[in-house]
């Protein structure tokens, strides 16, 4: 045990006997959870399918463990139980959709442990995009017009006509196919022939349920919330300043902003309707007129979690206090204008800009200059932090390894 761990356990003696397990330790969100809880004196065990995990290299991680891939549910649950027993784990904190689903589906096979989520049916009702659209209709919450199809054959037999472009959206973000998890993605069709081509060749559309949605022209937005057994106790919002790929994707530079009241009220309406417990991210598409349309709900921690913590909303700590049945501290107004940068993701983004033929030479020069600005008064770096630098070294090592492969 490091000196930091020894003294933190001594200082927070009331909580140092509580051990928690943070799964999916290769995720940046898992690193944020480990840093948050570990700094409060909670004994945090991090684990993933690989021993080379980002969160496992943090000084706030008491120990690092390995478990079987969740596609083999029996071996996965056995390994999680082994870790629970070894460290007397009180709470599990999964940070990806697949582990959330697997743990909830096989919760009866787990040793006694807390999982800060509703039951599996409630979680699926929010994650299932078709069920979410129906819930929005019932609650009079704006959502894109949508049509449901069981598979491509159902679409081919339909006589419906569409205004293009249309959005092809799988019902679930992850689908279990032949014992393995298939990651699905949203795509667009700009003509009838393109629609038929995509739907007939992609497994996610050819063999599984999907929706066709109207295309909402506008920008993406999100509201992040924490519920304690049906009561909203904290919220947060940010905007993406740079994404990877540049056309839209994972945030590599984001900024904390005031939550839009329309979006916040819509998000609360959805989560209130299921008496939600835990964290959730509600995503919107916002029109040029400022009208928000709910796109999806992700009932788990999100990629830019560290920005919320830096801005004053410590979601992991607040969730842990609620899960342990303690009084949750009052959340003050969070700081606006705080920026969070994922350096290695931003480097990837710059590479995509420089090699992209659609970008002018002048634009590439400007993007290089923007990338080289290392610091502004309110900018924080997500992974590389002076008080916990080993995760960045671990990330850098993996980055170089990937370049060589």
Protein backbone atom coordinates (compact mmCIF):
# COMPACT_ATOMS: atom_id res chain seq x y z
CA UNK A 1 0.00 0.00 0.00
CA UNK A 2 1.30 3.47 -0.93
CA UNK A 3 1.74 6.21 1.68
CA UNK A 4 -1.15 8.07 0.06
CA UNK A 5 -3.46 5.10 0.54
CA UNK A 6 -2.32 4.60 4.13
CA UNK A 7 -2.87 8.19 5.21
CA UNK A 8 -6.13 8.60 3.28
CA UNK A 9 -7.52 5.52 5.01
CA UNK A 10 -6.35 6.89 8.36
CA UNK A 11 -7.87 10.32 7.71
CA UNK A 12 -11.20 9.01 6.38
CA UNK A 13 -11.39 6.19 8.91
CA UNK A 14 -15.20 6.15 8.78
CA UNK A 15 -15.20 5.12 5.13
CA UNK A 16 -11.90 3.33 4.63
CA UNK A 17 -13.53 0.02 5.53
CA UNK A 18 -15.86 0.43 2.55
CA UNK A 19 -14.51 -1.27 -0.53
CA UNK A 20 -16.00 -0.69 -3.97
CA UNK A 21 -15.28 -2.26 -7.33
CA UNK A 22 -15.04 -0.03 -10.42
CA UNK A 23 -15.36 -2.09 -13.59
CA UNK A 24 -14.29 -1.23 -17.15
CA UNK A 25 -11.07 0.32 -15.83
CA UNK A 26 -9.80 1.11 -19.33
CA UNK A 27 -12.47 3.80 -19.64
CA UNK A 28 -11.79 7.45 -18.83
CA UNK A 29 -15.07 7.55 -16.94
CA UNK A 30 -13.79 4.73 -14.72
CA UNK A 31 -10.64 6.75 -14.00
CA UNK A 32 -12.82 9.68 -12.91
CA UNK A 33 -14.80 7.40 -10.55
CA UNK A 34 -11.61 5.93 -9.08
CA UNK A 35 -10.08 9.37 -8.50
CA UNK A 36 -13.27 10.72 -6.97
CA UNK A 37 -13.94 7.92 -4.50
CA UNK A 38 -10.30 7.14 -3.77
CA UNK A 39 -9.61 10.75 -2.82
CA UNK A 40 -12.49 10.53 -0.30
CA UNK A 41 -10.91 7.59 1.50
CA UNK A 42 -13.03 4.84 -0.05
CA UNK A 43 -10.99 1.72 -0.82
CA UNK A 44 -11.36 1.43 -4.61
CA UNK A 45 -10.57 -1.76 -6.51
CA UNK A 46 -10.39 -1.30 -10.27
CA UNK A 47 -10.80 -4.14 -12.75
CA UNK A 48 -11.02 -4.87 -16.46
CA UNK A 49 -10.41 -7.66 -18.94
CA UNK A 50 -6.78 -6.51 -19.20
CA UNK A 51 -4.20 -5.82 -16.50
CA UNK A 52 -3.07 -2.77 -18.52
CA UNK A 53 -5.99 -0.57 -17.51
CA UNK A 54 -6.05 3.21 -17.26
CA UNK A 55 -7.79 3.48 -13.88
CA UNK A 56 -5.72 0.65 -12.44
CA UNK A 57 -2.56 2.75 -12.73
CA UNK A 58 -4.02 5.58 -10.62
CA UNK A 59 -2.63 6.14 -7.13
CA UNK A 60 -6.26 6.23 -5.98
CA UNK A 61 -6.76 2.58 -6.99
CA UNK A 62 -6.02 0.35 -4.01
CA UNK A 63 -5.64 -2.71 -6.23
CA UNK A 64 -6.17 -3.78 -9.83
CA UNK A 65 -7.85 -7.03 -10.87
CA UNK A 66 -8.71 -8.85 -14.10
CA UNK A 67 -12.00 -10.51 -15.02
CA UNK A 68 -13.30 -12.54 -17.98
CA UNK A 69 -14.99 -10.79 -20.88
CA UNK A 70 -18.68 -10.28 -20.17
CA UNK A 71 -19.59 -12.10 -23.41
CA UNK A 72 -18.87 -15.21 -21.31
CA UNK A 73 -21.38 -14.30 -18.63
CA UNK A 74 -20.71 -17.31 -16.36
CA UNK A 75 -16.95 -16.71 -16.21
CA UNK A 76 -17.51 -12.96 -15.85
CA UNK A 77 -19.87 -13.34 -12.89
CA UNK A 78 -17.54 -15.90 -11.28
CA UNK A 79 -14.63 -13.46 -11.52
CA UNK A 80 -16.67 -10.56 -10.15
CA UNK A 81 -17.75 -12.76 -7.21
CA UNK A 82 -14.12 -13.70 -6.61
CA UNK A 83 -13.18 -10.02 -6.38
CA UNK A 84 -16.20 -9.24 -4.18
CA UNK A 85 -15.17 -11.96 -1.75
CA UNK A 86 -11.46 -11.11 -1.82
CA UNK A 87 -11.91 -7.43 -0.92
CA UNK A 88 -15.31 -7.51 0.84
CA UNK A 89 -16.81 -5.30 -1.88
CA UNK A 90 -19.90 -3.30 -0.88
CA UNK A 91 -20.80 -1.57 -4.18
CA UNK A 92 -20.23 -2.26 -7.89
CA UNK A 93 -19.72 0.67 -10.28
CA UNK A 94 -19.80 -0.50 -13.92
CA UNK A 95 -19.09 2.23 -16.49
CA UNK A 96 -20.04 0.66 -19.83
CA UNK A 97 -23.39 -0.46 -21.19
CA UNK A 98 -22.39 -4.10 -21.60
CA UNK A 99 -21.25 -4.60 -18.00
CA UNK A 100 -24.32 -2.75 -16.69
CA UNK A 101 -26.61 -5.08 -18.64
CA UNK A 102 -24.71 -8.23 -17.68
CA UNK A 103 -24.55 -7.44 -13.97
CA UNK A 104 -28.24 -6.56 -13.80
CA UNK A 105 -29.29 -9.57 -15.86
CA UNK A 106 -27.38 -11.95 -13.61
CA UNK A 107 -27.75 -10.02 -10.36
CA UNK A 108 -29.26 -13.03 -8.61
CA UNK A 109 -25.98 -14.91 -9.16
CA UNK A 110 -23.87 -12.20 -7.52
CA UNK A 111 -22.77 -12.31 -3.90
CA UNK A 112 -24.55 -9.71 -1.71
CA UNK A 113 -23.50 -6.32 -3.13
CA UNK A 114 -25.12 -3.00 -4.03
CA UNK A 115 -25.72 -2.00 -7.66
CA UNK A 116 -26.78 1.67 -7.97
CA UNK A 117 -29.38 1.11 -10.70
CA UNK A 118 -33.05 0.31 -11.10
CA UNK A 119 -34.02 -3.22 -12.14
CA UNK A 120 -33.03 -4.56 -15.54
CA UNK A 121 -36.49 -4.01 -17.07
CA UNK A 122 -36.45 -0.31 -16.17
CA UNK A 123 -32.93 0.14 -17.50
CA UNK A 124 -33.89 -1.57 -20.77
CA UNK A 125 -37.00 0.58 -21.09
CA UNK A 126 -34.76 3.66 -21.13
CA UNK A 127 -31.98 2.17 -23.26
CA UNK A 128 -34.41 0.72 -25.81
CA UNK A 129 -34.85 3.62 -28.22
CA UNK A 130 -38.25 2.47 -29.45
CA UNK A 131 -39.59 2.15 -25.90
CA UNK A 132 -38.16 5.59 -25.14
CA UNK A 133 -40.05 7.13 -28.08
CA UNK A 134 -43.29 5.62 -26.78
CA UNK A 135 -42.58 6.99 -23.31
CA UNK A 136 -41.96 10.43 -24.79
CA UNK A 137 -45.35 10.27 -26.54
CA UNK A 138 -47.10 9.32 -23.30
CA UNK A 139 -45.40 12.15 -21.38
CA UNK A 140 -45.78 14.77 -24.16
CA UNK A 141 -42.01 15.15 -24.46
CA UNK A 142 -40.68 16.10 -27.90
CA UNK A 143 -38.92 13.32 -29.82
CA UNK A 144 -38.28 12.77 -33.54
CA UNK A 145 -41.08 11.14 -35.55
CA UNK A 146 -40.19 7.45 -35.76
CA UNK A 147 -41.28 4.21 -37.42
CA UNK A 148 -40.38 0.81 -35.98
CA UNK A 149 -39.33 -2.26 -37.98
CA UNK A 150 -38.46 -5.76 -36.75
CA UNK A 151 -35.81 -6.19 -39.46
CA UNK A 152 -35.07 -5.39 -43.10
CA UNK A 153 -37.76 -7.77 -44.32
CA UNK A 154 -40.37 -5.75 -42.42
CA UNK A 155 -39.08 -2.57 -44.05
CA UNK A 156 -39.12 -4.15 -47.51
CA UNK A 157 -42.74 -5.22 -47.02
CA UNK A 158 -43.77 -1.74 -45.89
CA UNK A 159 -45.45 0.75 -48.20
CA UNK A 160 -44.31 3.77 -46.20
CA UNK A 161 -42.78 6.77 -47.95
CA UNK A 162 -40.03 8.87 -46.38
CA UNK A 163 -38.68 12.39 -46.59
CA UNK A 164 -34.93 12.13 -46.98
CA UNK A 165 -32.52 12.23 -45.32
CA UNK A 166 -33.71 9.73 -42.72
CA UNK A 167 -31.95 8.42 -39.62
CA UNK A 168 -31.46 4.66 -39.29
CA UNK A 169 -31.23 3.88 -35.59
CA UNK A 170 -30.82 0.39 -34.04
CA UNK A 171 -33.09 -0.14 -31.03
CA UNK A 172 -30.11 -0.99 -28.82
CA UNK A 173 -26.55 0.33 -28.84
CA UNK A 174 -25.22 -3.17 -28.11
CA UNK A 175 -26.72 -6.42 -29.44
CA UNK A 176 -25.66 -9.91 -28.38
CA UNK A 177 -24.97 -11.97 -31.50
CA UNK A 178 -23.63 -15.55 -31.28
CA UNK A 179 -22.44 -15.00 -27.72
CA UNK A 180 -20.57 -11.76 -28.49
CA UNK A 181 -21.60 -8.13 -28.17
CA UNK A 182 -22.10 -6.26 -31.44
CA UNK A 183 -21.69 -2.49 -31.24
CA UNK A 184 -24.28 -0.74 -33.38
CA UNK A 185 -24.30 2.82 -34.66
CA UNK A 186 -26.69 5.39 -36.04
CA UNK A 187 -26.40 6.10 -39.76
CA UNK A 188 -28.15 8.23 -42.39
CA UNK A 189 -29.74 7.51 -45.76
CA UNK A 190 -30.18 10.23 -48.39
CA UNK A 191 -32.25 8.23 -50.89
CA UNK A 192 -34.49 5.17 -51.14
CA UNK A 193 -31.75 3.12 -52.78
CA UNK A 194 -29.23 4.06 -50.09
CA UNK A 195 -31.77 3.18 -47.39
CA UNK A 196 -32.35 -0.27 -48.86
CA UNK A 197 -28.62 -0.86 -49.33
CA UNK A 198 -27.76 -0.02 -45.72
CA UNK A 199 -30.69 -1.89 -44.19
CA UNK A 200 -30.08 -5.04 -46.24
CA UNK A 201 -26.32 -5.34 -45.63
CA UNK A 202 -25.74 -4.23 -42.03
CA UNK A 203 -26.43 -6.99 -39.48
CA UNK A 204 -27.89 -4.48 -37.02
CA UNK A 205 -30.65 -3.55 -39.49
CA UNK A 206 -30.95 -6.70 -41.58
CA UNK A 207 -31.59 -9.10 -38.67
CA UNK A 208 -32.59 -6.92 -35.71
CA UNK A 209 -35.18 -4.28 -34.75
CA UNK A 210 -34.51 -0.68 -35.75
CA UNK A 211 -36.24 2.64 -36.30
CA UNK A 212 -36.37 5.15 -39.10
CA UNK A 213 -36.47 8.65 -37.65
CA UNK A 214 -36.95 12.08 -39.12
CA UNK A 215 -33.71 14.03 -39.45
CA UNK A 216 -33.57 16.93 -36.99
CA UNK A 217 -31.30 19.67 -38.25
CA UNK A 218 -29.40 21.22 -35.37
CA UNK A 219 -26.72 20.55 -32.77
CA UNK A 220 -26.32 17.87 -30.14
CA UNK A 221 -26.72 18.60 -26.43
CA UNK A 222 -26.94 16.64 -23.20
CA UNK A 223 -28.06 16.89 -19.59
CA UNK A 224 -26.47 14.74 -16.89
CA UNK A 225 -28.42 13.89 -13.76
CA UNK A 226 -28.15 12.05 -10.45
CA UNK A 227 -31.21 10.55 -8.77
CA UNK A 228 -31.60 9.19 -5.26
CA UNK A 229 -34.47 6.67 -5.37
CA UNK A 230 -36.74 8.83 -7.51
CA UNK A 231 -35.54 12.27 -6.44
CA UNK A 232 -33.22 14.38 -8.60
CA UNK A 233 -30.39 15.67 -6.41
CA UNK A 234 -27.91 17.03 -8.97
CA UNK A 235 -27.58 17.94 -12.62
CA UNK A 236 -24.91 19.21 -14.99
CA UNK A 237 -24.52 20.29 -18.62
CA UNK A 238 -21.65 20.89 -21.01
CA UNK A 239 -21.05 21.72 -24.64
CA UNK A 240 -18.56 20.05 -26.94
CA UNK A 241 -15.91 22.38 -28.34
CA UNK A 242 -13.94 19.75 -30.28
CA UNK A 243 -14.86 16.19 -31.20
CA UNK A 244 -13.18 13.11 -32.64
CA UNK A 245 -13.83 12.69 -35.54
CA UNK A 246 -14.17 16.42 -36.32
CA UNK A 247 -17.55 15.84 -37.98
CA UNK A 248 -19.00 14.65 -34.65
CA UNK A 249 -18.24 11.94 -32.15
CA UNK A 250 -16.38 11.66 -28.84
CA UNK A 251 -15.70 14.92 -27.02
CA UNK A 252 -12.00 15.83 -26.76
CA UNK A 253 -12.54 19.40 -25.52
CA UNK A 254 -15.68 20.40 -23.64
CA UNK A 255 -16.91 23.26 -21.47
CA UNK A 256 -19.34 23.39 -18.54
CA UNK A 257 -22.44 25.48 -19.24
CA UNK A 258 -25.76 26.31 -17.60
CA UNK A 259 -28.35 23.61 -18.25
CA UNK A 260 -31.08 24.64 -20.68
CA UNK A 261 -34.39 24.69 -18.80
CA UNK A 262 -36.36 22.96 -21.59
CA UNK A 263 -33.82 20.16 -21.79
CA UNK A 264 -33.57 19.78 -18.02
CA UNK A 265 -37.35 19.64 -17.57
CA UNK A 266 -37.72 17.07 -20.37
CA UNK A 267 -34.94 14.91 -18.91
CA UNK A 268 -36.49 15.05 -15.43
CA UNK A 269 -39.90 14.16 -16.82
CA UNK A 270 -38.51 10.97 -18.37
CA UNK A 271 -36.49 9.90 -15.31
CA UNK A 272 -39.21 10.86 -12.83
CA UNK A 273 -41.60 8.55 -14.68
CA UNK A 274 -39.50 5.50 -13.74
CA UNK A 275 -38.48 6.67 -10.23
CA UNK A 276 -34.88 6.53 -11.38
CA UNK A 277 -31.94 5.78 -9.08
CA UNK A 278 -28.37 6.46 -10.13
CA UNK A 279 -26.80 8.53 -12.87
CA UNK A 280 -28.06 9.09 -16.40
CA UNK A 281 -27.17 11.08 -19.49
CA UNK A 282 -30.08 12.35 -21.59
CA UNK A 283 -29.11 13.35 -25.13
CA UNK A 284 -30.95 15.86 -27.30
CA UNK A 285 -30.88 17.26 -30.80
CA UNK A 286 -31.62 20.99 -30.65
CA UNK A 287 -33.08 22.82 -33.64
CA UNK A 288 -31.92 26.24 -34.79
CA UNK A 289 -35.03 27.65 -33.06
CA UNK A 290 -33.87 26.14 -29.76
CA UNK A 291 -36.38 23.27 -29.56
CA UNK A 292 -34.90 20.14 -27.95
CA UNK A 293 -35.80 16.64 -29.18
CA UNK A 294 -34.85 13.66 -27.01
CA UNK A 295 -32.57 11.28 -28.89
CA UNK A 296 -31.58 8.72 -26.26
CA UNK A 297 -30.94 8.00 -22.57
CA UNK A 298 -27.72 6.39 -21.33
CA UNK A 299 -28.23 5.11 -17.75
CA UNK A 300 -24.55 5.07 -16.74
CA UNK A 301 -21.47 7.26 -16.27
CA UNK A 302 -20.36 9.19 -19.35
CA UNK A 303 -17.05 10.02 -21.05
CA UNK A 304 -16.61 13.61 -19.82
CA UNK A 305 -17.51 12.80 -16.20
CA UNK A 306 -14.31 14.45 -14.97
CA UNK A 307 -15.53 17.84 -16.24
CA UNK A 308 -18.56 17.69 -13.94
CA UNK A 309 -16.34 16.80 -10.98
CA UNK A 310 -13.94 19.66 -11.78
CA UNK A 311 -16.89 22.03 -12.06
CA UNK A 312 -18.23 21.14 -8.60
CA UNK A 313 -20.65 18.25 -9.17
CA UNK A 314 -18.90 15.15 -7.85
CA UNK A 315 -21.33 12.59 -9.25
CA UNK A 316 -19.44 9.43 -8.11
CA UNK A 317 -19.11 10.64 -4.51
CA UNK A 318 -22.73 11.85 -4.34
CA UNK A 319 -23.96 8.56 -5.82
CA UNK A 320 -21.87 6.58 -3.33
CA UNK A 321 -23.28 8.49 -0.37
CA UNK A 322 -26.83 7.93 -1.62
CA UNK A 323 -26.17 4.24 -2.31
CA UNK A 324 -24.80 3.75 1.22
CA UNK A 325 -27.90 5.38 2.68
CA UNK A 326 -26.14 8.45 4.02
CA UNK A 327 -27.29 12.05 3.83
CA UNK A 328 -26.17 13.48 0.49
CA UNK A 329 -24.38 16.85 0.68
CA UNK A 330 -26.20 19.81 -0.83
CA UNK A 331 -24.77 20.47 -4.29
CA UNK A 332 -23.82 24.14 -4.75
CA UNK A 333 -24.20 25.95 -8.07
CA UNK A 334 -21.49 24.48 -10.28
CA UNK A 335 -18.86 26.57 -12.06
CA UNK A 336 -19.51 27.54 -15.67
CA UNK A 337 -16.81 27.98 -18.30
CA UNK A 338 -14.55 25.19 -16.99
CA UNK A 339 -12.91 23.31 -19.87
CA UNK A 340 -11.74 19.71 -19.99
CA UNK A 341 -9.27 18.43 -22.58
CA UNK A 342 -8.51 14.83 -23.46
CA UNK A 343 -5.03 15.37 -24.86
CA UNK A 344 -4.50 12.08 -26.71
CA UNK A 345 -7.98 12.22 -28.20
CA UNK A 346 -7.31 15.81 -29.29
CA UNK A 347 -4.09 14.63 -30.94
CA UNK A 348 -6.05 11.98 -32.88
CA UNK A 349 -8.51 14.65 -33.95
CA UNK A 350 -5.70 16.89 -35.23
CA UNK A 351 -4.31 13.98 -37.26
CA UNK A 352 -7.73 13.43 -38.88
CA UNK A 353 -7.92 17.13 -39.77
CA UNK A 354 -4.41 17.19 -41.25
CA UNK A 355 -5.00 14.16 -43.46
CA UNK A 356 -8.54 15.18 -44.45
CA UNK A 357 -8.79 16.37 -48.06
CA UNK A 358 -11.97 18.30 -47.29
CA UNK A 359 -10.10 20.78 -45.08
CA UNK A 360 -8.25 23.77 -46.55
CA UNK A 361 -4.59 24.49 -45.84
CA UNK A 362 -5.55 27.60 -43.90
CA UNK A 363 -7.99 25.67 -41.73
CA UNK A 364 -5.31 23.07 -40.95
CA UNK A 365 -2.88 25.79 -39.84
CA UNK A 366 -5.53 27.28 -37.55
CA UNK A 367 -6.28 23.86 -36.04
CA UNK A 368 -2.56 23.26 -35.41
CA UNK A 369 -2.34 26.58 -33.55
CA UNK A 370 -5.45 25.75 -31.51
CA UNK A 371 -4.01 22.39 -30.57
CA UNK A 372 -0.69 23.93 -29.45
CA UNK A 373 -2.37 26.31 -26.97
CA UNK A 374 -1.66 24.21 -23.87
CA UNK A 375 -3.48 26.04 -21.13
CA UNK A 376 -6.12 28.60 -20.28
CA UNK A 377 -7.02 29.62 -16.71
CA UNK A 378 -10.09 27.34 -16.59
CA UNK A 379 -8.74 24.40 -18.61
CA UNK A 380 -8.10 21.04 -16.96
CA UNK A 381 -6.61 17.93 -18.53
CA UNK A 382 -8.66 14.78 -18.19
CA UNK A 383 -6.02 12.08 -17.86
CA UNK A 384 -2.66 13.83 -17.32
CA UNK A 385 -2.68 15.36 -13.84
CA UNK A 386 0.37 16.24 -11.77
CA UNK A 387 -1.07 14.73 -8.59
CA UNK A 388 -1.83 11.44 -10.38
CA UNK A 389 0.42 11.18 -13.43
CA UNK A 390 0.73 7.43 -13.91
CA UNK A 391 -2.57 7.04 -15.83
CA UNK A 392 -1.23 9.41 -18.50
CA UNK A 393 1.99 7.41 -18.77
CA UNK A 394 -0.11 4.26 -19.12
CA UNK A 395 -2.26 5.90 -21.80
CA UNK A 396 0.80 7.19 -23.65
CA UNK A 397 2.39 3.74 -23.60
CA UNK A 398 -0.76 2.18 -25.05
CA UNK A 399 -1.02 4.95 -27.65
CA UNK A 400 2.51 4.29 -28.90
CA UNK A 401 1.86 0.55 -28.89
CA UNK A 402 -1.24 1.05 -31.06
CA UNK A 403 0.77 3.17 -33.53
CA UNK A 404 3.29 0.38 -33.93
CA UNK A 405 0.72 -2.35 -34.46
